[in-house]
C-alpha atoms as a PDB file:
ATOM      1  CA  MET A   1       4.119  22.081 -27.068  1.00  0.00           C
ATOM      2  CA  THR A   2       7.090  20.070 -26.914  1.00  0.00           C
ATOM      3  CA  ILE A   3       7.574  17.598 -29.368  1.00  0.00           C
ATOM      4  CA  ARG A   4      10.364  14.733 -28.948  1.00  0.00           C
ATOM      5  CA  PRO A   5      10.305  10.735 -29.217  1.00  0.00           C
ATOM      6  CA  ARG A   6       8.347   8.721 -26.396  1.00  0.00           C
ATOM      7  CA  GLU A   7       9.617   5.658 -27.647  1.00  0.00           C
ATOM      8  CA  LEU A   8      12.930   4.763 -25.569  1.00  0.00           C
ATOM      9  CA  ALA A   9      15.898   2.314 -26.577  1.00  0.00           C
ATOM     10  CA  TRP A  10      16.854   0.812 -23.500  1.00  0.00           C
ATOM     11  CA  GLU A  11      19.085  -2.362 -24.547  1.00  0.00           C
ATOM     12  CA  GLY A  12      17.257  -5.673 -23.250  1.00  0.00           C
ATOM     13  CA  CYS A  13      13.785  -4.128 -22.936  1.00  0.00           C
ATOM     14  CA  LEU A  14      11.126  -3.983 -25.762  1.00  0.00           C
ATOM     15  CA  ASN A  15       8.493  -1.946 -24.580  1.00  0.00           C
ATOM     16  CA  VAL A  16       9.619   0.924 -23.301  1.00  0.00           C
ATOM     17  CA  ARG A  17       7.992   4.496 -23.590  1.00  0.00           C
ATOM     18  CA  ASP A  18       7.825   8.022 -21.621  1.00  0.00           C
ATOM     19  CA  LEU A  19       4.210   8.748 -20.592  1.00  0.00           C
ATOM     20  CA  GLY A  20       5.012  12.529 -21.771  1.00  0.00           C
ATOM     21  CA  GLY A  21       3.971  14.404 -24.860  1.00  0.00           C
ATOM     22  CA  LEU A  22       0.355  13.415 -24.617  1.00  0.00           C
ATOM     23  CA  PRO A  23      -2.589  15.538 -25.478  1.00  0.00           C
ATOM     24  CA  THR A  24      -4.777  17.071 -22.305  1.00  0.00           C
ATOM     25  CA  GLU A  25      -8.332  17.425 -22.818  1.00  0.00           C
ATOM     26  CA  ASP A  26      -7.520  21.182 -21.203  1.00  0.00           C
ATOM     27  CA  GLY A  27      -5.298  21.897 -24.383  1.00  0.00           C
ATOM     28  CA  GLY A  28      -1.814  20.679 -22.602  1.00  0.00           C
ATOM     29  CA  GLN A  29       0.518  17.699 -22.372  1.00  0.00           C
ATOM     30  CA  THR A  30       1.750  15.294 -19.943  1.00  0.00           C
ATOM     31  CA  CYS A  31       5.742  16.284 -19.344  1.00  0.00           C
ATOM     32  CA  TYR A  32       8.439  13.909 -20.353  1.00  0.00           C
ATOM     33  CA  GLY A  33      10.913  12.515 -17.962  1.00  0.00           C
ATOM     34  CA  ARG A  34       8.343  12.054 -14.814  1.00  0.00           C
ATOM     35  CA  VAL A  35       7.248   8.148 -15.502  1.00  0.00           C
ATOM     36  CA  VAL A  36       8.249   5.640 -18.290  1.00  0.00           C
ATOM     37  CA  ARG A  37       6.227   2.479 -18.746  1.00  0.00           C
ATOM     38  CA  ALA A  38       8.492  -0.851 -19.663  1.00  0.00           C
ATOM     39  CA  ASP A  39       8.471  -4.454 -19.650  1.00  0.00           C
ATOM     40  CA  SER A  40      10.847  -6.031 -17.339  1.00  0.00           C
ATOM     41  CA  VAL A  41      13.831  -4.022 -16.509  1.00  0.00           C
ATOM     42  CA  ARG A  42      15.394  -7.335 -14.891  1.00  0.00           C
ATOM     43  CA  GLN A  43      16.280  -8.179 -18.835  1.00  0.00           C
ATOM     44  CA  LEU A  44      18.237  -4.568 -18.972  1.00  0.00           C
ATOM     45  CA  THR A  45      22.008  -4.991 -20.344  1.00  0.00           C
ATOM     46  CA  GLU A  46      24.714  -2.871 -18.852  1.00  0.00           C
ATOM     47  CA  PHE A  47      24.233  -0.176 -21.474  1.00  0.00           C
ATOM     48  CA  GLY A  48      20.779  -0.414 -20.971  1.00  0.00           C
ATOM     49  CA  TRP A  49      21.208   0.520 -17.273  1.00  0.00           C
ATOM     50  CA  GLN A  50      23.338   3.289 -18.409  1.00  0.00           C
ATOM     51  CA  ALA A  51      20.495   4.591 -20.507  1.00  0.00           C
ATOM     52  CA  VAL A  52      18.032   4.439 -17.321  1.00  0.00           C
ATOM     53  CA  ALA A  53      20.656   6.600 -15.594  1.00  0.00           C
ATOM     54  CA  ASP A  54      20.782   8.736 -17.935  1.00  0.00           C
ATOM     55  CA  TYR A  55      17.404   9.467 -18.425  1.00  0.00           C
ATOM     56  CA  GLY A  56      17.107  10.832 -14.779  1.00  0.00           C
ATOM     57  CA  VAL A  57      15.082   7.509 -13.623  1.00  0.00           C
ATOM     58  CA  ARG A  58      15.579   7.420  -9.795  1.00  0.00           C
ATOM     59  CA  THR A  59      12.715   5.162  -8.760  1.00  0.00           C
ATOM     60  CA  VAL A  60      11.155   1.487  -9.888  1.00  0.00           C
ATOM     61  CA  VAL A  61       7.665   0.524  -9.266  1.00  0.00           C
ATOM     62  CA  ASP A  62       7.918  -3.240  -9.906  1.00  0.00           C
ATOM     63  CA  LEU A  63       4.470  -4.705 -10.528  1.00  0.00           C
ATOM     64  CA  ARG A  64       5.186  -8.170 -10.611  1.00  0.00           C
ATOM     65  CA  GLY A  65       3.854 -10.977  -8.015  1.00  0.00           C
ATOM     66  CA  ASP A  66       6.582 -12.294  -5.432  1.00  0.00           C
ATOM     67  CA  TYR A  67       6.708 -15.593  -7.736  1.00  0.00           C
ATOM     68  CA  GLU A  68       7.894 -14.077 -10.539  1.00  0.00           C
ATOM     69  CA  LEU A  69      10.916 -12.335  -8.273  1.00  0.00           C
ATOM     70  CA  GLN A  70      12.244 -15.661  -7.778  1.00  0.00           C
ATOM     71  CA  ASP A  71      13.561 -16.144 -11.310  1.00  0.00           C
ATOM     72  CA  ASP A  72      15.713 -12.593 -11.104  1.00  0.00           C
ATOM     73  CA  PRO A  73      19.171 -13.122 -11.425  1.00  0.00           C
ATOM     74  CA  SER A  74      20.854 -12.056  -7.838  1.00  0.00           C
ATOM     75  CA  GLY A  75      22.198  -8.839  -6.983  1.00  0.00           C
ATOM     76  CA  GLU A  76      20.569  -5.490  -6.341  1.00  0.00           C
ATOM     77  CA  LEU A  77      19.177  -2.783  -8.728  1.00  0.00           C
ATOM     78  CA  PRO A  78      20.956   0.466  -9.056  1.00  0.00           C
ATOM     79  CA  LEU A  79      17.983   2.216  -8.253  1.00  0.00           C
ATOM     80  CA  ASP A  80      15.564   2.376  -5.494  1.00  0.00           C
ATOM     81  CA  VAL A  81      12.826  -0.174  -5.869  1.00  0.00           C
ATOM     82  CA  VAL A  82       9.158  -0.322  -4.834  1.00  0.00           C
ATOM     83  CA  HIS A  83       7.773  -3.455  -5.385  1.00  0.00           C
ATOM     84  CA  VAL A  84       3.803  -3.193  -5.152  1.00  0.00           C
ATOM     85  CA  PRO A  85       2.294  -6.588  -6.778  1.00  0.00           C
ATOM     86  CA  PHE A  86      -0.861  -5.744  -8.908  1.00  0.00           C
ATOM     87  CA  MET A  87      -2.259  -9.106  -8.436  1.00  0.00           C
ATOM     88  CA  GLU A  88      -1.171 -11.203  -5.347  1.00  0.00           C
ATOM     89  CA  SER A  89      -3.903 -13.602  -3.110  1.00  0.00           C
ATOM     90  CA  THR A  90      -4.018 -16.617  -1.481  1.00  0.00           C
ATOM     91  CA  GLU A  91      -4.257 -19.917  -3.352  1.00  0.00           C
ATOM     92  CA  ASP A  92      -7.728 -20.422  -2.775  1.00  0.00           C
ATOM     93  CA  GLU A  93      -8.611 -16.486  -3.569  1.00  0.00           C
ATOM     94  CA  TRP A  94      -6.921 -17.666  -6.956  1.00  0.00           C
ATOM     95  CA  LYS A  95      -8.907 -20.538  -7.487  1.00  0.00           C
ATOM     96  CA  ALA A  96     -11.735 -18.561  -7.471  1.00  0.00           C
ATOM     97  CA  ILE A  97     -10.338 -15.884  -9.587  1.00  0.00           C
ATOM     98  CA  GLU A  98      -9.355 -18.349 -12.574  1.00  0.00           C
ATOM     99  CA  ASN A  99     -12.922 -20.082 -12.247  1.00  0.00           C
ATOM    100  CA  GLU A 100     -14.678 -16.257 -12.910  1.00  0.00           C
ATOM    101  CA  LEU A 101     -11.770 -15.818 -15.755  1.00  0.00           C
ATOM    102  CA  GLU A 102     -12.524 -19.053 -17.255  1.00  0.00           C
ATOM    103  CA  ALA A 103     -16.638 -18.197 -17.219  1.00  0.00           C
ATOM    104  CA  ALA A 104     -15.745 -14.651 -18.496  1.00  0.00           C
ATOM    105  CA  ALA A 105     -13.523 -15.786 -21.493  1.00  0.00           C
ATOM    106  CA  ALA A 106     -16.199 -18.396 -22.344  1.00  0.00           C
ATOM    107  CA  ALA A 107     -18.805 -15.676 -22.620  1.00  0.00           C
ATOM    108  CA  ALA A 108     -17.395 -13.615 -24.486  1.00  0.00           C
ATOM    109  CA  ALA A 109     -15.513 -16.108 -26.732  1.00  0.00           C
ATOM    110  CA  PRO A 110     -13.927 -15.307 -29.700  1.00  0.00           C
ATOM    111  CA  ASP A 111     -14.350 -12.008 -29.159  1.00  0.00           C
ATOM    112  CA  ILE A 112     -10.721 -10.597 -28.157  1.00  0.00           C
ATOM    113  CA  VAL A 113     -11.998  -7.032 -27.596  1.00  0.00           C
ATOM    114  CA  ALA A 114     -14.331  -8.352 -24.810  1.00  0.00           C
ATOM    115  CA  GLN A 115     -12.401 -10.974 -23.697  1.00  0.00           C
ATOM    116  CA  THR A 116      -9.499  -8.611 -22.771  1.00  0.00           C
ATOM    117  CA  ARG A 117     -11.941  -6.035 -21.394  1.00  0.00           C
ATOM    118  CA  ASP A 118     -13.349  -8.424 -19.085  1.00  0.00           C
ATOM    119  CA  VAL A 119     -10.298  -9.919 -17.814  1.00  0.00           C
ATOM    120  CA  TYR A 120      -9.261  -6.718 -16.736  1.00  0.00           C
ATOM    121  CA  LEU A 121     -12.656  -5.464 -14.888  1.00  0.00           C
ATOM    122  CA  ILE A 122     -12.174  -8.714 -12.944  1.00  0.00           C
ATOM    123  CA  PHE A 123      -8.320  -7.885 -11.892  1.00  0.00           C
ATOM    124  CA  LEU A 124      -9.496  -4.371 -10.690  1.00  0.00           C
ATOM    125  CA  ARG A 125     -12.208  -5.417  -8.849  1.00  0.00           C
ATOM    126  CA  ARG A 126     -10.655  -8.352  -7.382  1.00  0.00           C
ATOM    127  CA  PHE A 127      -7.421  -6.332  -6.726  1.00  0.00           C
ATOM    128  CA  ARG A 128      -8.392  -2.799  -5.848  1.00  0.00           C
ATOM    129  CA  SER A 129      -5.709  -2.261  -3.112  1.00  0.00           C
ATOM    130  CA  ASN A 130      -3.117  -3.290  -5.235  1.00  0.00           C
ATOM    131  CA  VAL A 131      -4.161  -0.792  -7.562  1.00  0.00           C
ATOM    132  CA  ALA A 132      -4.180   1.730  -4.989  1.00  0.00           C
ATOM    133  CA  ALA A 133      -1.124   0.784  -3.946  1.00  0.00           C
ATOM    134  CA  GLY A 134       0.742   0.751  -7.222  1.00  0.00           C
ATOM    135  CA  ILE A 135      -0.972   4.467  -8.049  1.00  0.00           C
ATOM    136  CA  ARG A 136      -0.014   5.671  -4.543  1.00  0.00           C
ATOM    137  CA  ALA A 137       3.953   4.388  -5.425  1.00  0.00           C
ATOM    138  CA  VAL A 138       3.907   6.417  -8.104  1.00  0.00           C
ATOM    139  CA  ALA A 139       2.544   9.526  -6.685  1.00  0.00           C
ATOM    140  CA  ARG A 140       4.819   9.633  -3.527  1.00  0.00           C
ATOM    141  CA  ALA A 141       7.683   8.786  -5.187  1.00  0.00           C
ATOM    142  CA  PRO A 142      10.720  11.266  -4.749  1.00  0.00           C
ATOM    143  CA  ALA A 143      12.115  13.367  -7.151  1.00  0.00           C
ATOM    144  CA  GLY A 144      13.404  11.925 -10.296  1.00  0.00           C
ATOM    145  CA  GLY A 145      12.028   9.761 -13.036  1.00  0.00           C
ATOM    146  CA  VAL A 146      10.069   6.786 -12.203  1.00  0.00           C
ATOM    147  CA  VAL A 147       9.826   3.474 -14.466  1.00  0.00           C
ATOM    148  CA  VAL A 148       6.504   1.212 -13.479  1.00  0.00           C
ATOM    149  CA  HIS A 149       7.107  -2.085 -15.154  1.00  0.00           C
ATOM    150  CA  CYS A 150       5.744  -5.655 -14.979  1.00  0.00           C
ATOM    151  CA  VAL A 151       6.688  -8.549 -16.901  1.00  0.00           C
ATOM    152  CA  GLY A 152       5.571  -7.688 -20.555  1.00  0.00           C
ATOM    153  CA  GLY A 153       4.501  -3.783 -19.711  1.00  0.00           C
ATOM    154  CA  LYS A 154       1.056  -4.753 -21.497  1.00  0.00           C
ATOM    155  CA  ASP A 155      -1.258  -5.444 -18.804  1.00  0.00           C
ATOM    156  CA  ARG A 156      -0.478  -4.430 -15.488  1.00  0.00           C
ATOM    157  CA  THR A 157       1.619  -1.909 -16.569  1.00  0.00           C
ATOM    158  CA  GLY A 158      -1.058  -0.781 -19.097  1.00  0.00           C
ATOM    159  CA  LEU A 159      -3.796  -0.493 -16.438  1.00  0.00           C
ATOM    160  CA  LEU A 160      -1.819   1.499 -14.142  1.00  0.00           C
ATOM    161  CA  CYS A 161      -0.683   3.846 -16.411  1.00  0.00           C
ATOM    162  CA  ALA A 162      -4.251   4.308 -18.159  1.00  0.00           C
ATOM    163  CA  PHE A 163      -5.108   5.517 -14.638  1.00  0.00           C
ATOM    164  CA  LEU A 164      -1.914   7.822 -14.492  1.00  0.00           C
ATOM    165  CA  LEU A 165      -2.879   9.267 -17.719  1.00  0.00           C
ATOM    166  CA  HIS A 166      -6.433   9.781 -16.839  1.00  0.00           C
ATOM    167  CA  LEU A 167      -5.957  11.757 -13.534  1.00  0.00           C
ATOM    168  CA  ALA A 168      -3.305  13.743 -15.496  1.00  0.00           C
ATOM    169  CA  GLY A 169      -6.080  14.865 -18.029  1.00  0.00           C
ATOM    170  CA  VAL A 170      -5.269  12.836 -21.205  1.00  0.00           C
ATOM    171  CA  GLY A 171      -8.566  11.724 -23.042  1.00  0.00           C
ATOM    172  CA  ILE A 172      -9.444   7.706 -23.427  1.00  0.00           C
ATOM    173  CA  GLU A 173      -8.784   7.641 -27.078  1.00  0.00           C
ATOM    174  CA  ASP A 174      -5.199   8.651 -26.676  1.00  0.00           C
ATOM    175  CA  ILE A 175      -4.988   6.559 -23.187  1.00  0.00           C
ATOM    176  CA  ALA A 176      -6.089   3.501 -25.731  1.00  0.00           C
ATOM    177  CA  THR A 177      -3.930   4.424 -28.378  1.00  0.00           C
ATOM    178  CA  ASP A 178      -0.797   4.550 -26.070  1.00  0.00           C
ATOM    179  CA  TYR A 179      -1.824   0.981 -24.719  1.00  0.00           C
ATOM    180  CA  ALA A 180      -2.052  -0.818 -28.081  1.00  0.00           C
ATOM    181  CA  LEU A 181       1.222   0.204 -28.802  1.00  0.00           C
ATOM    182  CA  SER A 182       2.616  -2.704 -26.435  1.00  0.00           C
ATOM    183  CA  GLU A 183       1.390  -5.243 -29.043  1.00  0.00           C
ATOM    184  CA  GLU A 184       3.259  -4.298 -31.734  1.00  0.00           C
ATOM    185  CA  ARG A 185       6.803  -3.494 -29.331  1.00  0.00           C
ATOM    186  CA  LEU A 186       6.137  -7.482 -27.661  1.00  0.00           C
ATOM    187  CA  GLN A 187       5.811  -8.972 -31.375  1.00  0.00           C
ATOM    188  CA  PRO A 188       9.467 -10.307 -31.739  1.00  0.00           C
ATOM    189  CA  ARG A 189       8.881 -11.757 -28.007  1.00  0.00           C
ATOM    190  CA  MET A 190       5.632 -13.102 -29.037  1.00  0.00           C
ATOM    191  CA  ALA A 191       6.777 -15.094 -31.974  1.00  0.00           C
ATOM    192  CA  ALA A 192       9.229 -16.666 -29.948  1.00  0.00           C
ATOM    193  CA  TRP A 193       6.676 -17.923 -28.023  1.00  0.00           C
ATOM    194  CA  LEU A 194       4.373 -19.209 -31.085  1.00  0.00           C
ATOM    195  CA  ALA A 195       7.636 -21.361 -32.332  1.00  0.00           C
ATOM    196  CA  GLU A 196       8.157 -22.961 -29.261  1.00  0.00           C
ATOM    197  CA  ALA A 197       4.341 -23.729 -28.488  1.00  0.00           C
ATOM    198  CA  LYS A 198       3.757 -27.031 -28.929  1.00  0.00           C
ATOM    199  CA  THR A 199      -0.475 -27.498 -29.996  1.00  0.00           C
ATOM    200  CA  GLU A 200      -2.617 -25.308 -31.870  1.00  0.00           C
ATOM    201  CA  ALA A 201      -4.206 -24.625 -28.269  1.00  0.00           C
ATOM    202  CA  GLU A 202      -0.953 -23.234 -26.988  1.00  0.00           C
ATOM    203  CA  ARG A 203      -0.540 -21.056 -30.140  1.00  0.00           C
ATOM    204  CA  GLU A 204      -3.916 -19.695 -29.919  1.00  0.00           C
ATOM    205  CA  TRP A 205      -3.403 -18.704 -26.052  1.00  0.00           C
ATOM    206  CA  VAL A 206      -0.216 -17.012 -27.065  1.00  0.00           C
ATOM    207  CA  ARG A 207      -2.004 -15.133 -30.163  1.00  0.00           C
ATOM    208  CA  ARG A 208      -4.892 -14.011 -27.399  1.00  0.00           C
ATOM    209  CA  VAL A 209      -2.432 -12.825 -24.428  1.00  0.00           C
ATOM    210  CA  SER A 210      -0.720 -11.037 -26.980  1.00  0.00           C
ATOM    211  CA  CYS A 211      -3.126  -8.814 -28.333  1.00  0.00           C
ATOM    212  CA  THR A 212      -3.578  -5.197 -27.090  1.00  0.00           C
ATOM    213  CA  PRO A 213      -6.810  -3.567 -28.480  1.00  0.00           C
ATOM    214  CA  ALA A 214      -7.412   0.050 -28.075  1.00  0.00           C
ATOM    215  CA  GLU A 215     -11.135  -0.943 -27.843  1.00  0.00           C
ATOM    216  CA  SER A 216     -10.608  -3.008 -24.913  1.00  0.00           C
ATOM    217  CA  MET A 217      -9.272   0.026 -22.960  1.00  0.00           C
ATOM    218  CA  VAL A 218     -11.965   2.188 -23.760  1.00  0.00           C
ATOM    219  CA  GLY A 219     -14.485  -0.592 -23.214  1.00  0.00           C
ATOM    220  CA  VAL A 220     -12.784  -0.823 -19.361  1.00  0.00           C
ATOM    221  CA  PHE A 221     -13.275   3.172 -18.996  1.00  0.00           C
ATOM    222  CA  ASP A 222     -16.888   2.796 -20.102  1.00  0.00           C
ATOM    223  CA  GLU A 223     -17.841   0.486 -17.602  1.00  0.00           C
ATOM    224  CA  LEU A 224     -16.228   1.954 -14.996  1.00  0.00           C
ATOM    225  CA  GLU A 225     -18.304   4.688 -15.755  1.00  0.00           C
ATOM    226  CA  ARG A 226     -21.231   2.531 -15.419  1.00  0.00           C
ATOM    227  CA  ARG A 227     -20.261   1.116 -12.369  1.00  0.00           C
ATOM    228  CA  TYR A 228     -18.524   3.829 -10.433  1.00  0.00           C
ATOM    229  CA  GLY A 229     -19.667   7.109 -12.114  1.00  0.00           C
ATOM    230  CA  GLY A 230     -15.866   6.603 -13.399  1.00  0.00           C
ATOM    231  CA  ALA A 231     -12.430   5.623 -13.390  1.00  0.00           C
ATOM    232  CA  THR A 232     -11.404   8.552 -10.909  1.00  0.00           C
ATOM    233  CA  GLU A 233     -14.453   6.809  -8.787  1.00  0.00           C
ATOM    234  CA  PHE A 234     -13.351   3.615  -8.990  1.00  0.00           C
ATOM    235  CA  LEU A 235     -10.108   4.985  -8.111  1.00  0.00           C
ATOM    236  CA  ARG A 236     -11.657   6.771  -4.996  1.00  0.00           C
ATOM    237  CA  SER A 237     -13.172   3.108  -4.164  1.00  0.00           C
ATOM    238  CA  THR A 238      -9.834   1.739  -4.036  1.00  0.00           C
ATOM    239  CA  GLY A 239      -9.079   4.075  -0.865  1.00  0.00           C
ATOM    240  CA  LEU A 240      -6.915   6.184  -2.594  1.00  0.00           C
ATOM    241  CA  SER A 241      -7.308   9.732  -1.068  1.00  0.00           C
ATOM    242  CA  ASP A 242      -7.607  12.979  -2.870  1.00  0.00           C
ATOM    243  CA  GLU A 243      -4.218  13.811  -1.808  1.00  0.00           C
ATOM    244  CA  ASP A 244      -2.924  10.620  -3.346  1.00  0.00           C
ATOM    245  CA  LEU A 245      -5.039  11.549  -6.392  1.00  0.00           C
ATOM    246  CA  GLY A 246      -3.640  15.208  -6.814  1.00  0.00           C
ATOM    247  CA  LEU A 247      -0.083  13.858  -6.319  1.00  0.00           C
ATOM    248  CA  ALA A 248      -0.708  10.950  -9.317  1.00  0.00           C
ATOM    249  CA  ALA A 249      -2.120  14.092 -11.728  1.00  0.00           C
ATOM    250  CA  THR A 250       0.339  16.567 -10.793  1.00  0.00           C
ATOM    251  CA  ARG A 251       3.597  13.967 -11.723  1.00  0.00           C
ATOM    252  CA  LEU A 252       2.874  13.847 -15.119  1.00  0.00           C
ATOM    253  CA  ARG A 253       1.783  17.807 -15.449  1.00  0.00           C
END
């Protein structure tokens, strides 16, 4: 097996790593240089962009919502960008989702692992067509490396990358371990948020959303097994074809 660092130093971002180098359940490993997960690439400096180009990246899959793009600086990215919001809905739909999220948080409190798992499951059920669009964008991207990002690169990006790794044959324990790295990588940003928080309630919210417990991702996959017969069957329920799933799998193999 090829062993090389998965962590990437792209100036301006904190949470960047290659999905290559992870063991697959058939004894192989995922390929380097195919898919990279990141926090928002809009934070990259000039040197950071040069590192992206030098790494062979040709496509950016942006999972942020339309409202989040309003804060972007003017100018075009020097790469092909596919904007596929992971969570996008009408105002009325969001109200219903927020009510469901509040109920789930209250039911699981103060268990952060259960809260995170349940929030993710709500997102996956409510936004299954968005999940499909994200997987399809990676699977059908042209030759070259693909960067998947949202804002922090931990929740939306974490879920999409978990599915990509699953399709490539990586076991859930290694998927969950990769997901959990984001909490440590984003610590400087979260520390700044804590310093800016005005109340204990705000600080508690920051602590909660900063967590990426490996057990939460394991719990998501366990629940997808119970509800759908597995993560792959869930992805089929989103409208992804066998061709889409096959292309996503081979992207990393």
